[in-house]
Amino acid sequence: MRHFMLALALLFGFAQTAFAAPPALETSKIQVQLLRIQVADSVSFNDAVESLKLRANQLNIKYVGVNAIYHEIQALTGKPAKRMEIFNFCDGLTAQQMLAADLNTIAFMPCRISIVEDEAGKRWVIAMMMDDATIHALKGETRKNAERVMAALKEMMIAASSGDI
C-alpha cells in the first residue's frame, strides 16, 4: 500500500508538471534599422569578408564567429547554394554596460553583419542596427559607447562593400 501511495503521489506530481500553465511571455516593441549596401562588382566575396574583419580589428571590435549558413543549405538540399555568411562581432565592455542598463539589449548581441549573394550574383552587406530611440534611452558613457559601436559597424560595412583595408 505504501508503494502504491508513493507511485500515486509521483504520478500526480508528473501530471501537475505536464499540465502546468506555461510561463508568461513578455514582449517589447522596439524599432530596428536594417542597413544594406551593395558590394562593388570589383570586390570578391572573400575580399569583402577580409575587409570587414580587418576594419573591425582596426576599430577594436572583436570578431567572435561566423555562421556560413549556405553550407547547411547545401548539406540539406544536396545542391549548390548562394553564398551567405553571418559574421558576429562584439565589444565586451560595451555589451556589459548595455546589459546593466537594459537587459533587452541582449537581443542585439553579438553584433551581426551578413554578406550575402543574391540570385543575380550581386553581393550585399546587411546588418540589423539598434534604432536611435533605443540608443538614446541609454545614459551617459553607455550611450556614447553604444553610439561608437554602431558607427563602427557602419564603417565596417562600408569597408567591406568597397574592399577597403
N, C-alpha and C. Protein backbone atom coordinates (compact mmCIF):
# COMPACT_ATOMS: atom_id res chain seq x y z
N MET A 1 0.82 -1.18 0.00
CA MET A 1 0.00 0.00 0.00
C MET A 1 0.88 1.26 0.00
N ARG A 2 1.97 1.18 0.75
CA ARG A 2 2.88 2.33 0.83
C ARG A 2 3.46 2.65 -0.55
N HIS A 3 3.86 1.60 -1.30
CA HIS A 3 4.41 1.79 -2.64
C HIS A 3 3.36 2.36 -3.58
N PHE A 4 2.12 1.90 -3.41
CA PHE A 4 1.03 2.39 -4.23
C PHE A 4 0.82 3.88 -4.00
N MET A 5 0.86 4.32 -2.76
CA MET A 5 0.66 5.74 -2.43
C MET A 5 1.82 6.58 -2.97
N LEU A 6 3.04 6.06 -2.88
CA LEU A 6 4.21 6.77 -3.39
C LEU A 6 4.10 6.90 -4.92
N ALA A 7 3.72 5.82 -5.57
CA ALA A 7 3.55 5.85 -7.03
C ALA A 7 2.46 6.83 -7.42
N LEU A 8 1.38 6.84 -6.68
CA LEU A 8 0.28 7.76 -6.95
C LEU A 8 0.73 9.21 -6.76
N ALA A 9 1.49 9.47 -5.72
CA ALA A 9 2.00 10.82 -5.47
C ALA A 9 2.94 11.26 -6.59
N LEU A 10 3.82 10.37 -7.03
CA LEU A 10 4.73 10.69 -8.12
C LEU A 10 3.96 10.95 -9.41
N LEU A 11 3.00 10.09 -9.68
CA LEU A 11 2.18 10.25 -10.88
C LEU A 11 1.42 11.58 -10.85
N PHE A 12 0.87 11.93 -9.72
CA PHE A 12 0.15 13.18 -9.57
C PHE A 12 1.10 14.37 -9.78
N GLY A 13 2.31 14.27 -9.25
CA GLY A 13 3.31 15.33 -9.41
C GLY A 13 3.69 15.50 -10.87
N PHE A 14 3.91 14.40 -11.59
CA PHE A 14 4.23 14.48 -13.01
C PHE A 14 3.07 15.05 -13.81
N ALA A 15 1.86 14.64 -13.46
CA ALA A 15 0.68 15.13 -14.16
C ALA A 15 0.54 16.63 -13.95
N GLN A 16 0.79 17.11 -12.74
CA GLN A 16 0.71 18.53 -12.47
C GLN A 16 1.73 19.29 -13.29
N THR A 17 2.96 18.76 -13.38
CA THR A 17 4.00 19.41 -14.16
C THR A 17 3.64 19.42 -15.63
N ALA A 18 3.11 18.32 -16.13
CA ALA A 18 2.77 18.22 -17.54
C ALA A 18 1.64 19.17 -17.92
N PHE A 19 0.73 19.46 -17.01
CA PHE A 19 -0.41 20.29 -17.33
C PHE A 19 -0.32 21.69 -16.73
N ALA A 20 0.83 22.03 -16.18
CA ALA A 20 1.00 23.36 -15.59
C ALA A 20 0.97 24.41 -16.70
N ALA A 21 0.47 25.57 -16.37
CA ALA A 21 0.41 26.66 -17.33
C ALA A 21 1.83 27.09 -17.71
N PRO A 22 2.05 27.40 -18.98
CA PRO A 22 3.39 27.84 -19.39
C PRO A 22 3.69 29.20 -18.77
N PRO A 23 4.97 29.51 -18.61
CA PRO A 23 5.30 30.82 -18.04
C PRO A 23 4.85 31.93 -18.98
N ALA A 24 4.57 33.07 -18.43
CA ALA A 24 4.12 34.21 -19.24
C ALA A 24 5.28 34.71 -20.09
N LEU A 25 4.98 34.95 -21.34
CA LEU A 25 5.97 35.51 -22.24
C LEU A 25 5.79 37.02 -22.29
N GLU A 26 6.89 37.73 -22.16
CA GLU A 26 6.83 39.18 -22.23
C GLU A 26 7.26 39.62 -23.63
N THR A 27 6.62 40.65 -24.12
CA THR A 27 7.03 41.20 -25.40
C THR A 27 7.40 42.67 -25.22
N SER A 28 8.33 43.10 -26.03
CA SER A 28 8.73 44.50 -26.06
C SER A 28 8.71 44.96 -27.51
N LYS A 29 8.12 46.09 -27.74
CA LYS A 29 8.11 46.63 -29.10
C LYS A 29 9.25 47.62 -29.21
N ILE A 30 10.14 47.33 -30.14
CA ILE A 30 11.25 48.23 -30.40
C ILE A 30 11.36 48.39 -31.91
N GLN A 31 11.99 49.43 -32.31
CA GLN A 31 12.28 49.66 -33.71
C GLN A 31 13.70 49.17 -34.00
N VAL A 32 13.89 48.66 -35.18
CA VAL A 32 15.23 48.31 -35.62
C VAL A 32 15.46 48.97 -36.98
N GLN A 33 16.71 49.13 -37.30
CA GLN A 33 17.08 49.65 -38.60
C GLN A 33 17.84 48.56 -39.34
N LEU A 34 17.52 48.38 -40.59
CA LEU A 34 18.28 47.47 -41.43
C LEU A 34 19.13 48.31 -42.37
N LEU A 35 20.42 48.09 -42.34
CA LEU A 35 21.32 48.78 -43.25
C LEU A 35 21.75 47.78 -44.31
N ARG A 36 21.78 48.25 -45.55
CA ARG A 36 22.14 47.38 -46.67
C ARG A 36 22.96 48.19 -47.66
N ILE A 37 24.08 47.62 -48.07
CA ILE A 37 24.93 48.29 -49.04
C ILE A 37 25.45 47.24 -50.03
N GLN A 38 25.44 47.59 -51.30
CA GLN A 38 25.89 46.65 -52.32
C GLN A 38 27.41 46.64 -52.36
N VAL A 39 27.96 45.45 -52.50
CA VAL A 39 29.40 45.29 -52.63
C VAL A 39 29.77 45.64 -54.07
N ALA A 40 30.83 46.41 -54.24
CA ALA A 40 31.28 46.80 -55.58
C ALA A 40 31.56 45.55 -56.41
N ASP A 41 31.24 45.63 -57.69
CA ASP A 41 31.45 44.48 -58.58
C ASP A 41 32.91 44.02 -58.59
N SER A 42 33.83 44.95 -58.38
CA SER A 42 35.26 44.62 -58.42
C SER A 42 35.76 43.95 -57.14
N VAL A 43 34.89 43.84 -56.13
CA VAL A 43 35.27 43.26 -54.83
C VAL A 43 34.68 41.86 -54.73
N SER A 44 35.54 40.87 -54.55
CA SER A 44 35.06 39.49 -54.41
C SER A 44 34.43 39.28 -53.04
N PHE A 45 33.70 38.22 -52.91
CA PHE A 45 33.11 37.87 -51.62
C PHE A 45 34.21 37.75 -50.57
N ASN A 46 35.27 37.02 -50.90
CA ASN A 46 36.37 36.83 -49.95
C ASN A 46 37.05 38.14 -49.58
N ASP A 47 37.22 39.04 -50.56
CA ASP A 47 37.83 40.34 -50.25
C ASP A 47 36.92 41.16 -49.34
N ALA A 48 35.62 41.09 -49.55
CA ALA A 48 34.68 41.81 -48.69
C ALA A 48 34.78 41.29 -47.26
N VAL A 49 34.86 39.97 -47.12
CA VAL A 49 34.99 39.35 -45.79
C VAL A 49 36.28 39.81 -45.12
N GLU A 50 37.36 39.78 -45.86
CA GLU A 50 38.66 40.18 -45.30
C GLU A 50 38.64 41.64 -44.88
N SER A 51 38.05 42.51 -45.71
CA SER A 51 37.96 43.93 -45.37
C SER A 51 37.11 44.15 -44.13
N LEU A 52 36.02 43.41 -44.03
CA LEU A 52 35.14 43.51 -42.86
C LEU A 52 35.91 43.18 -41.58
N LYS A 53 36.62 42.07 -41.59
CA LYS A 53 37.36 41.63 -40.40
C LYS A 53 38.51 42.57 -40.06
N LEU A 54 39.24 43.03 -41.10
CA LEU A 54 40.36 43.93 -40.85
C LEU A 54 39.89 45.26 -40.27
N ARG A 55 38.78 45.79 -40.80
CA ARG A 55 38.28 47.06 -40.29
C ARG A 55 37.78 46.90 -38.86
N ALA A 56 37.15 45.76 -38.56
CA ALA A 56 36.72 45.50 -37.18
C ALA A 56 37.92 45.54 -36.25
N ASN A 57 39.00 44.91 -36.66
CA ASN A 57 40.21 44.88 -35.84
C ASN A 57 40.76 46.30 -35.64
N GLN A 58 40.76 47.10 -36.70
CA GLN A 58 41.25 48.48 -36.59
C GLN A 58 40.40 49.31 -35.63
N LEU A 59 39.12 48.99 -35.55
CA LEU A 59 38.19 49.74 -34.70
C LEU A 59 38.01 49.12 -33.31
N ASN A 60 38.82 48.11 -33.02
CA ASN A 60 38.79 47.45 -31.72
C ASN A 60 37.44 46.77 -31.45
N ILE A 61 36.86 46.20 -32.50
CA ILE A 61 35.64 45.42 -32.39
C ILE A 61 36.05 43.97 -32.63
N LYS A 62 35.80 43.12 -31.67
CA LYS A 62 36.30 41.75 -31.75
C LYS A 62 35.42 40.87 -32.64
N TYR A 63 36.07 40.18 -33.57
CA TYR A 63 35.39 39.18 -34.40
C TYR A 63 35.24 37.93 -33.54
N VAL A 64 34.00 37.45 -33.37
CA VAL A 64 33.78 36.31 -32.47
C VAL A 64 33.19 35.08 -33.16
N GLY A 65 32.96 35.15 -34.47
CA GLY A 65 32.49 33.94 -35.13
C GLY A 65 31.72 34.20 -36.40
N VAL A 66 31.44 33.11 -37.08
CA VAL A 66 30.69 33.19 -38.34
C VAL A 66 29.75 32.00 -38.44
N ASN A 67 28.62 32.23 -39.09
CA ASN A 67 27.69 31.17 -39.45
C ASN A 67 27.61 31.17 -40.97
N ALA A 68 28.27 30.20 -41.58
CA ALA A 68 28.24 30.06 -43.04
C ALA A 68 27.03 29.21 -43.41
N ILE A 69 25.86 29.82 -43.35
CA ILE A 69 24.60 29.09 -43.46
C ILE A 69 24.43 28.40 -44.82
N TYR A 70 25.11 28.88 -45.84
CA TYR A 70 24.96 28.26 -47.15
C TYR A 70 25.48 26.82 -47.14
N HIS A 71 26.45 26.52 -46.28
CA HIS A 71 26.93 25.13 -46.14
C HIS A 71 25.80 24.22 -45.66
N GLU A 72 25.01 24.71 -44.70
CA GLU A 72 23.88 23.94 -44.17
C GLU A 72 22.83 23.71 -45.25
N ILE A 73 22.56 24.75 -46.03
CA ILE A 73 21.58 24.63 -47.11
C ILE A 73 22.05 23.59 -48.13
N GLN A 74 23.32 23.65 -48.49
CA GLN A 74 23.87 22.68 -49.45
C GLN A 74 23.78 21.26 -48.89
N ALA A 75 24.07 21.10 -47.61
CA ALA A 75 24.01 19.77 -46.99
C ALA A 75 22.58 19.23 -46.96
N LEU A 76 21.62 20.11 -46.72
CA LEU A 76 20.22 19.68 -46.64
C LEU A 76 19.60 19.41 -48.01
N THR A 77 20.00 20.20 -49.01
CA THR A 77 19.38 20.07 -50.33
C THR A 77 20.20 19.23 -51.30
N GLY A 78 21.50 19.11 -51.02
CA GLY A 78 22.37 18.41 -51.96
C GLY A 78 22.67 19.24 -53.21
N LYS A 79 22.32 20.52 -53.17
CA LYS A 79 22.52 21.40 -54.32
C LYS A 79 23.35 22.61 -53.89
N PRO A 80 24.04 23.21 -54.85
CA PRO A 80 24.79 24.44 -54.52
C PRO A 80 23.83 25.54 -54.05
N ALA A 81 24.30 26.37 -53.15
CA ALA A 81 23.50 27.49 -52.63
C ALA A 81 24.30 28.77 -52.79
N LYS A 82 23.59 29.86 -52.94
CA LYS A 82 24.24 31.16 -52.99
C LYS A 82 24.95 31.38 -51.66
N ARG A 83 26.11 31.99 -51.72
CA ARG A 83 26.90 32.18 -50.52
C ARG A 83 26.25 33.20 -49.61
N MET A 84 26.14 32.85 -48.34
CA MET A 84 25.62 33.76 -47.32
C MET A 84 26.29 33.42 -46.00
N GLU A 85 26.86 34.44 -45.40
CA GLU A 85 27.56 34.25 -44.14
C GLU A 85 27.17 35.36 -43.17
N ILE A 86 26.99 34.98 -41.91
CA ILE A 86 26.63 35.92 -40.86
C ILE A 86 27.82 36.00 -39.91
N PHE A 87 28.41 37.20 -39.83
CA PHE A 87 29.60 37.41 -39.02
C PHE A 87 29.20 38.06 -37.69
N ASN A 88 29.80 37.60 -36.62
CA ASN A 88 29.49 38.09 -35.28
C ASN A 88 30.67 38.88 -34.72
N PHE A 89 30.35 40.04 -34.17
CA PHE A 89 31.35 40.93 -33.60
C PHE A 89 30.89 41.38 -32.22
N CYS A 90 31.84 41.76 -31.37
CA CYS A 90 31.46 42.18 -30.02
C CYS A 90 32.49 43.14 -29.43
N ASP A 91 32.00 44.05 -28.64
CA ASP A 91 32.81 44.88 -27.75
C ASP A 91 32.30 44.51 -26.36
N GLY A 92 33.03 43.63 -25.70
CA GLY A 92 32.56 43.05 -24.45
C GLY A 92 32.23 44.05 -23.36
N LEU A 93 33.05 45.08 -23.21
CA LEU A 93 32.80 46.05 -22.14
C LEU A 93 31.54 46.88 -22.43
N THR A 94 31.34 47.23 -23.70
CA THR A 94 30.11 47.95 -24.05
C THR A 94 28.90 47.05 -23.86
N ALA A 95 29.04 45.79 -24.24
CA ALA A 95 27.94 44.84 -24.03
C ALA A 95 27.56 44.75 -22.56
N GLN A 96 28.56 44.68 -21.71
CA GLN A 96 28.31 44.61 -20.27
C GLN A 96 27.57 45.86 -19.78
N GLN A 97 27.99 47.03 -20.23
CA GLN A 97 27.32 48.27 -19.84
C GLN A 97 25.87 48.30 -20.31
N MET A 98 25.66 47.89 -21.55
CA MET A 98 24.32 47.93 -22.11
C MET A 98 23.38 46.96 -21.39
N LEU A 99 23.87 45.78 -21.07
CA LEU A 99 23.04 44.82 -20.34
C LEU A 99 22.70 45.31 -18.94
N ALA A 100 23.63 46.00 -18.32
CA ALA A 100 23.35 46.56 -16.99
C ALA A 100 22.27 47.64 -17.09
N ALA A 101 22.23 48.36 -18.21
CA ALA A 101 21.25 49.42 -18.39
C ALA A 101 19.90 48.89 -18.85
N ASP A 102 19.92 47.88 -19.72
CA ASP A 102 18.67 47.34 -20.28
C ASP A 102 18.92 45.91 -20.73
N LEU A 103 18.39 44.97 -20.01
CA LEU A 103 18.60 43.55 -20.30
C LEU A 103 18.14 43.17 -21.71
N ASN A 104 17.16 43.86 -22.25
CA ASN A 104 16.65 43.55 -23.58
C ASN A 104 17.66 43.80 -24.69
N THR A 105 18.70 44.58 -24.42
CA THR A 105 19.70 44.83 -25.46
C THR A 105 20.47 43.57 -25.83
N ILE A 106 20.32 42.50 -25.05
CA ILE A 106 20.97 41.23 -25.39
C ILE A 106 20.50 40.74 -26.75
N ALA A 107 19.31 41.14 -27.18
CA ALA A 107 18.79 40.72 -28.48
C ALA A 107 19.66 41.21 -29.63
N PHE A 108 20.46 42.23 -29.41
CA PHE A 108 21.34 42.76 -30.45
C PHE A 108 22.75 42.18 -30.37
N MET A 109 22.97 41.27 -29.46
CA MET A 109 24.32 40.77 -29.22
C MET A 109 24.46 39.31 -29.64
N PRO A 110 25.59 38.92 -30.17
CA PRO A 110 26.64 39.83 -30.63
C PRO A 110 26.16 40.59 -31.85
N CYS A 111 26.85 41.66 -32.17
CA CYS A 111 26.50 42.43 -33.37
C CYS A 111 26.73 41.54 -34.58
N ARG A 112 25.79 41.57 -35.51
CA ARG A 112 25.87 40.70 -36.69
C ARG A 112 25.88 41.52 -37.97
N ILE A 113 26.79 41.15 -38.85
CA ILE A 113 26.84 41.71 -40.19
C ILE A 113 26.87 40.54 -41.15
N SER A 114 25.97 40.57 -42.12
CA SER A 114 25.89 39.49 -43.10
C SER A 114 26.42 39.95 -44.44
N ILE A 115 27.05 39.03 -45.13
CA ILE A 115 27.40 39.24 -46.52
C ILE A 115 26.69 38.13 -47.28
N VAL A 116 25.87 38.53 -48.26
CA VAL A 116 25.06 37.56 -49.00
C VAL A 116 25.18 37.82 -50.49
N GLU A 117 24.96 36.76 -51.23
CA GLU A 117 24.93 36.86 -52.69
C GLU A 117 23.48 36.65 -53.12
N ASP A 118 22.96 37.56 -53.94
CA ASP A 118 21.58 37.41 -54.38
C ASP A 118 21.51 36.53 -55.63
N GLU A 119 20.32 36.32 -56.14
CA GLU A 119 20.11 35.42 -57.29
C GLU A 119 20.82 35.91 -58.55
N ALA A 120 21.04 37.22 -58.65
CA ALA A 120 21.72 37.78 -59.81
C ALA A 120 23.24 37.77 -59.65
N GLY A 121 23.72 37.27 -58.50
CA GLY A 121 25.15 37.22 -58.27
C GLY A 121 25.73 38.48 -57.63
N LYS A 122 24.88 39.45 -57.32
CA LYS A 122 25.33 40.66 -56.63
C LYS A 122 25.53 40.33 -55.16
N ARG A 123 26.52 40.95 -54.58
CA ARG A 123 26.82 40.74 -53.16
C ARG A 123 26.37 41.96 -52.36
N TRP A 124 25.86 41.68 -51.16
CA TRP A 124 25.32 42.72 -50.29
C TRP A 124 25.87 42.55 -48.88
N VAL A 125 26.07 43.67 -48.21
CA VAL A 125 26.40 43.68 -46.79
C VAL A 125 25.16 44.20 -46.09
N ILE A 126 24.63 43.41 -45.14
CA ILE A 126 23.37 43.76 -44.48
C ILE A 126 23.52 43.56 -42.97
N ALA A 127 22.97 44.50 -42.21
CA ALA A 127 23.02 44.38 -40.75
C ALA A 127 21.76 44.97 -40.12
N MET A 128 21.39 44.42 -38.97
CA MET A 128 20.33 44.97 -38.14
C MET A 128 21.00 45.85 -37.09
N MET A 129 20.53 47.08 -37.00
CA MET A 129 21.12 48.03 -36.07
C MET A 129 20.08 48.49 -35.06
N MET A 130 20.54 48.88 -33.90
CA MET A 130 19.62 49.47 -32.92
C MET A 130 19.14 50.81 -33.46
N ASP A 131 17.89 51.12 -33.21
CA ASP A 131 17.39 52.42 -33.65
C ASP A 131 17.84 53.51 -32.69
N ASP A 132 17.70 54.74 -33.14
CA ASP A 132 18.17 55.88 -32.34
C ASP A 132 17.48 55.97 -30.98
N ALA A 133 16.19 55.66 -30.92
CA ALA A 133 15.46 55.76 -29.64
C ALA A 133 16.03 54.79 -28.61
N THR A 134 16.36 53.58 -29.05
CA THR A 134 16.94 52.59 -28.12
C THR A 134 18.28 53.08 -27.61
N ILE A 135 19.09 53.62 -28.50
CA ILE A 135 20.41 54.12 -28.09
C ILE A 135 20.26 55.33 -27.18
N HIS A 136 19.36 56.25 -27.53
CA HIS A 136 19.19 57.47 -26.72
C HIS A 136 18.60 57.18 -25.34
N ALA A 137 17.95 56.04 -25.18
CA ALA A 137 17.42 55.67 -23.86
C ALA A 137 18.54 55.26 -22.91
N LEU A 138 19.69 54.91 -23.46
CA LEU A 138 20.84 54.58 -22.62
C LEU A 138 21.43 55.88 -22.07
N LYS A 139 22.08 55.81 -20.95
CA LYS A 139 22.57 57.01 -20.29
C LYS A 139 24.09 57.13 -20.38
N GLY A 140 24.58 58.35 -20.41
CA GLY A 140 25.98 58.70 -20.24
C GLY A 140 26.96 57.91 -21.10
N GLU A 141 27.93 57.34 -20.43
CA GLU A 141 29.01 56.60 -21.08
C GLU A 141 28.49 55.39 -21.85
N THR A 142 27.46 54.77 -21.33
CA THR A 142 26.87 53.61 -22.02
C THR A 142 26.34 54.03 -23.38
N ARG A 143 25.64 55.15 -23.43
CA ARG A 143 25.11 55.64 -24.70
C ARG A 143 26.25 55.99 -25.67
N LYS A 144 27.27 56.66 -25.17
CA LYS A 144 28.41 57.02 -26.02
C LYS A 144 29.06 55.77 -26.61
N ASN A 145 29.22 54.76 -25.79
CA ASN A 145 29.85 53.51 -26.26
C ASN A 145 28.96 52.78 -27.27
N ALA A 146 27.65 52.78 -27.04
CA ALA A 146 26.73 52.16 -27.99
C ALA A 146 26.75 52.90 -29.32
N GLU A 147 26.79 54.22 -29.26
CA GLU A 147 26.89 55.02 -30.49
C GLU A 147 28.20 54.73 -31.23
N ARG A 148 29.28 54.58 -30.47
CA ARG A 148 30.59 54.26 -31.07
C ARG A 148 30.55 52.91 -31.77
N VAL A 149 29.94 51.93 -31.14
CA VAL A 149 29.87 50.59 -31.74
C VAL A 149 29.00 50.62 -32.99
N MET A 150 27.86 51.32 -32.96
CA MET A 150 27.00 51.40 -34.14
C MET A 150 27.73 52.10 -35.29
N ALA A 151 28.47 53.15 -34.98
CA ALA A 151 29.26 53.85 -36.01
C ALA A 151 30.35 52.93 -36.56
N ALA A 152 30.96 52.14 -35.69
CA ALA A 152 31.99 51.20 -36.14
C ALA A 152 31.40 50.16 -37.07
N LEU A 153 30.22 49.65 -36.76
CA LEU A 153 29.58 48.66 -37.62
C LEU A 153 29.30 49.24 -39.01
N LYS A 154 28.83 50.47 -39.06
CA LYS A 154 28.59 51.12 -40.35
C LYS A 154 29.89 51.26 -41.13
N GLU A 155 30.94 51.69 -40.45
CA GLU A 155 32.24 51.83 -41.11
C GLU A 155 32.75 50.49 -41.62
N MET A 156 32.55 49.44 -40.84
CA MET A 156 32.96 48.09 -41.25
C MET A 156 32.20 47.66 -42.50
N MET A 157 30.91 47.96 -42.55
CA MET A 157 30.09 47.60 -43.71
C MET A 157 30.56 48.33 -44.96
N ILE A 158 30.85 49.61 -44.83
CA ILE A 158 31.33 50.39 -45.96
C ILE A 158 32.67 49.86 -46.44
N ALA A 159 33.56 49.54 -45.51
CA ALA A 159 34.87 48.97 -45.89
C ALA A 159 34.69 47.66 -46.63
N ALA A 160 33.78 46.81 -46.16
CA ALA A 160 33.54 45.52 -46.81
C ALA A 160 33.00 45.72 -48.22
N SER A 161 32.11 46.69 -48.38
CA SER A 161 31.47 46.90 -49.69
C SER A 161 32.44 47.44 -50.73
N SER A 162 33.47 48.12 -50.29
CA SER A 162 34.43 48.71 -51.24
C SER A 162 35.76 47.98 -51.26
N GLY A 163 35.92 46.99 -50.38
CA GLY A 163 37.17 46.25 -50.34
C GLY A 163 38.30 47.00 -49.68
N ASP A 164 37.96 48.06 -48.92
CA ASP A 164 38.99 48.85 -48.23
C ASP A 164 39.61 48.05 -47.09
N ILE A 165 40.87 48.28 -46.90
CA ILE A 165 41.55 47.63 -45.78
C ILE A 165 41.82 48.68 -44.77
